[in-house]
């Protein structure tokens, strides 16, 4: 059965389930964006821009580390005879080769001399 197929025996998720699964950081992002756009002065935003950028980098790295620590690769390889895992690996190889090609064109002097 595919991930998007609905079966008759599954109940429709309620508001509580949606709230529990909703990524709360989205609300924080919207709140902070509104605060920086409408409540803080441009001088204050400019003064705290660099420290905030450094915090952003640290939290971004921490978030991806946590995602990696939570990933159970054995479960992925067991699903549907490993087809999702193979799709992921093929997509990553394509992404790496594409990125390498673009980096060569841009930084190797082929496109911009």
C-alpha atoms as a PDB file:
ATOM      1  CA  UNK A   1       0.000   0.000   0.000  1.00  0.00           C
ATOM      2  CA  UNK A   2       1.330   3.434  -0.919  1.00  0.00           C
ATOM      3  CA  UNK A   3       1.868   6.258   1.511  1.00  0.00           C
ATOM      4  CA  UNK A   4      -0.965   8.376   0.097  1.00  0.00           C
ATOM      5  CA  UNK A   5      -3.593   5.658  -0.190  1.00  0.00           C
ATOM      6  CA  UNK A   6      -6.483   6.002   2.245  1.00  0.00           C
ATOM      7  CA  UNK A   7      -8.011   2.892   3.713  1.00  0.00           C
ATOM      8  CA  UNK A   8     -11.536   2.663   5.065  1.00  0.00           C
ATOM      9  CA  UNK A   9     -10.497   1.456   8.527  1.00  0.00           C
ATOM     10  CA  UNK A  10      -8.362   4.517   9.342  1.00  0.00           C
ATOM     11  CA  UNK A  11     -10.199   7.337  11.131  1.00  0.00           C
ATOM     12  CA  UNK A  12      -9.789  10.903   9.936  1.00  0.00           C
ATOM     13  CA  UNK A  13      -7.273  12.730  12.149  1.00  0.00           C
ATOM     14  CA  UNK A  14      -8.793  15.241  14.548  1.00  0.00           C
ATOM     15  CA  UNK A  15      -7.557  18.687  15.519  1.00  0.00           C
ATOM     16  CA  UNK A  16      -5.669  17.267  18.519  1.00  0.00           C
ATOM     17  CA  UNK A  17      -3.713  14.890  16.275  1.00  0.00           C
ATOM     18  CA  UNK A  18      -2.955  17.647  13.791  1.00  0.00           C
ATOM     19  CA  UNK A  19      -1.744  19.931  16.611  1.00  0.00           C
ATOM     20  CA  UNK A  20       0.457  17.175  18.074  1.00  0.00           C
ATOM     21  CA  UNK A  21       2.077  16.471  14.704  1.00  0.00           C
ATOM     22  CA  UNK A  22       2.369  20.095  13.603  1.00  0.00           C
ATOM     23  CA  UNK A  23       5.994  21.341  13.715  1.00  0.00           C
ATOM     24  CA  UNK A  24       5.819  24.093  16.347  1.00  0.00           C
ATOM     25  CA  UNK A  25       8.959  25.800  15.052  1.00  0.00           C
ATOM     26  CA  UNK A  26       6.844  27.100  12.165  1.00  0.00           C
ATOM     27  CA  UNK A  27       4.840  29.191  14.635  1.00  0.00           C
ATOM     28  CA  UNK A  28       8.056  30.485  16.188  1.00  0.00           C
ATOM     29  CA  UNK A  29       9.420  31.369  12.758  1.00  0.00           C
ATOM     30  CA  UNK A  30       6.269  33.312  11.884  1.00  0.00           C
ATOM     31  CA  UNK A  31       6.280  35.089  15.269  1.00  0.00           C
ATOM     32  CA  UNK A  32       9.930  36.110  14.999  1.00  0.00           C
ATOM     33  CA  UNK A  33       9.483  37.207  11.379  1.00  0.00           C
ATOM     34  CA  UNK A  34       6.571  39.443  12.367  1.00  0.00           C
ATOM     35  CA  UNK A  35       8.551  40.822  15.317  1.00  0.00           C
ATOM     36  CA  UNK A  36      11.587  41.669  13.177  1.00  0.00           C
ATOM     37  CA  UNK A  37       9.378  43.143  10.442  1.00  0.00           C
ATOM     38  CA  UNK A  38       7.037  45.315  12.485  1.00  0.00           C
ATOM     39  CA  UNK A  39       8.126  45.697  16.128  1.00  0.00           C
ATOM     40  CA  UNK A  40      11.898  46.201  16.113  1.00  0.00           C
ATOM     41  CA  UNK A  41      13.594  49.293  14.785  1.00  0.00           C
ATOM     42  CA  UNK A  42      15.953  48.929  11.795  1.00  0.00           C
ATOM     43  CA  UNK A  43      18.880  49.954  14.029  1.00  0.00           C
ATOM     44  CA  UNK A  44      18.110  47.155  16.496  1.00  0.00           C
ATOM     45  CA  UNK A  45      17.750  44.620  13.698  1.00  0.00           C
ATOM     46  CA  UNK A  46      21.101  45.690  12.256  1.00  0.00           C
ATOM     47  CA  UNK A  47      22.786  45.473  15.668  1.00  0.00           C
ATOM     48  CA  UNK A  48      21.651  41.925  16.402  1.00  0.00           C
ATOM     49  CA  UNK A  49      21.855  40.546  12.858  1.00  0.00           C
ATOM     50  CA  UNK A  50      25.345  39.009  13.196  1.00  0.00           C
ATOM     51  CA  UNK A  51      24.797  37.220  16.541  1.00  0.00           C
ATOM     52  CA  UNK A  52      21.435  35.925  15.339  1.00  0.00           C
ATOM     53  CA  UNK A  53      23.046  34.599  12.139  1.00  0.00           C
ATOM     54  CA  UNK A  54      25.634  32.712  14.214  1.00  0.00           C
ATOM     55  CA  UNK A  55      22.886  31.199  16.372  1.00  0.00           C
ATOM     56  CA  UNK A  56      20.974  30.249  13.235  1.00  0.00           C
ATOM     57  CA  UNK A  57      23.986  28.342  11.919  1.00  0.00           C
ATOM     58  CA  UNK A  58      24.438  26.473  15.207  1.00  0.00           C
ATOM     59  CA  UNK A  59      20.760  25.536  15.505  1.00  0.00           C
ATOM     60  CA  UNK A  60      20.620  24.499  11.841  1.00  0.00           C
ATOM     61  CA  UNK A  61      23.552  22.133  12.350  1.00  0.00           C
ATOM     62  CA  UNK A  62      22.027  20.829  15.586  1.00  0.00           C
ATOM     63  CA  UNK A  63      18.671  20.182  13.889  1.00  0.00           C
ATOM     64  CA  UNK A  64      20.225  18.098  11.117  1.00  0.00           C
ATOM     65  CA  UNK A  65      22.373  16.228  13.630  1.00  0.00           C
ATOM     66  CA  UNK A  66      19.227  15.327  15.582  1.00  0.00           C
ATOM     67  CA  UNK A  67      17.452  14.204  12.419  1.00  0.00           C
ATOM     68  CA  UNK A  68      20.423  11.982  11.604  1.00  0.00           C
ATOM     69  CA  UNK A  69      20.519  10.520  15.111  1.00  0.00           C
ATOM     70  CA  UNK A  70      16.794   9.758  14.981  1.00  0.00           C
ATOM     71  CA  UNK A  71      16.898   8.055  11.573  1.00  0.00           C
ATOM     72  CA  UNK A  72      16.656   4.268  11.724  1.00  0.00           C
ATOM     73  CA  UNK A  73      18.316   3.087   8.543  1.00  0.00           C
ATOM     74  CA  UNK A  74      17.522  -0.571   9.249  1.00  0.00           C
ATOM     75  CA  UNK A  75      13.803   0.262   9.106  1.00  0.00           C
ATOM     76  CA  UNK A  76      14.268   2.096   5.815  1.00  0.00           C
ATOM     77  CA  UNK A  77      16.107  -0.845   4.246  1.00  0.00           C
ATOM     78  CA  UNK A  78      13.414  -3.285   5.440  1.00  0.00           C
ATOM     79  CA  UNK A  79      10.501  -1.303   3.973  1.00  0.00           C
ATOM     80  CA  UNK A  80       9.137  -2.611   0.664  1.00  0.00           C
ATOM     81  CA  UNK A  81      12.257  -4.701  -0.045  1.00  0.00           C
ATOM     82  CA  UNK A  82      14.514  -1.665   0.323  1.00  0.00           C
ATOM     83  CA  UNK A  83      12.924   0.330  -2.501  1.00  0.00           C
ATOM     84  CA  UNK A  84      12.669   3.595  -0.483  1.00  0.00           C
ATOM     85  CA  UNK A  85      16.305   3.221   0.560  1.00  0.00           C
ATOM     86  CA  UNK A  86      17.412   2.637  -3.022  1.00  0.00           C
ATOM     87  CA  UNK A  87      15.385   5.631  -4.202  1.00  0.00           C
ATOM     88  CA  UNK A  88      17.064   7.762  -1.529  1.00  0.00           C
ATOM     89  CA  UNK A  89      20.552   6.530  -2.417  1.00  0.00           C
ATOM     90  CA  UNK A  90      19.997   7.090  -6.150  1.00  0.00           C
ATOM     91  CA  UNK A  91      18.618  10.589  -5.494  1.00  0.00           C
ATOM     92  CA  UNK A  92      21.608  11.437  -3.302  1.00  0.00           C
ATOM     93  CA  UNK A  93      24.094  10.199  -5.908  1.00  0.00           C
ATOM     94  CA  UNK A  94      22.317  12.298  -8.540  1.00  0.00           C
ATOM     95  CA  UNK A  95      22.368  15.313  -6.197  1.00  0.00           C
ATOM     96  CA  UNK A  96      26.084  14.886  -5.474  1.00  0.00           C
ATOM     97  CA  UNK A  97      26.978  14.579  -9.173  1.00  0.00           C
ATOM     98  CA  UNK A  98      24.789  17.555 -10.111  1.00  0.00           C
ATOM     99  CA  UNK A  99      26.302  19.691  -7.343  1.00  0.00           C
ATOM    100  CA  UNK A 100      29.810  18.656  -8.358  1.00  0.00           C
ATOM    101  CA  UNK A 101      29.063  19.564 -11.974  1.00  0.00           C
ATOM    102  CA  UNK A 102      27.620  22.971 -11.099  1.00  0.00           C
ATOM    103  CA  UNK A 103      30.527  23.689  -8.728  1.00  0.00           C
ATOM    104  CA  UNK A 104      32.991  22.787 -11.489  1.00  0.00           C
ATOM    105  CA  UNK A 105      31.221  25.079 -13.961  1.00  0.00           C
ATOM    106  CA  UNK A 106      31.002  27.998 -11.527  1.00  0.00           C
ATOM    107  CA  UNK A 107      34.276  27.717  -9.593  1.00  0.00           C
ATOM    108  CA  UNK A 108      36.379  26.032 -12.281  1.00  0.00           C
ATOM    109  CA  UNK A 109      36.241  29.096 -14.494  1.00  0.00           C
ATOM    110  CA  UNK A 110      34.108  27.501 -17.184  1.00  0.00           C
ATOM    111  CA  UNK A 111      31.125  29.869 -16.827  1.00  0.00           C
ATOM    112  CA  UNK A 112      32.693  32.925 -15.210  1.00  0.00           C
ATOM    113  CA  UNK A 113      36.212  33.932 -16.191  1.00  0.00           C
END
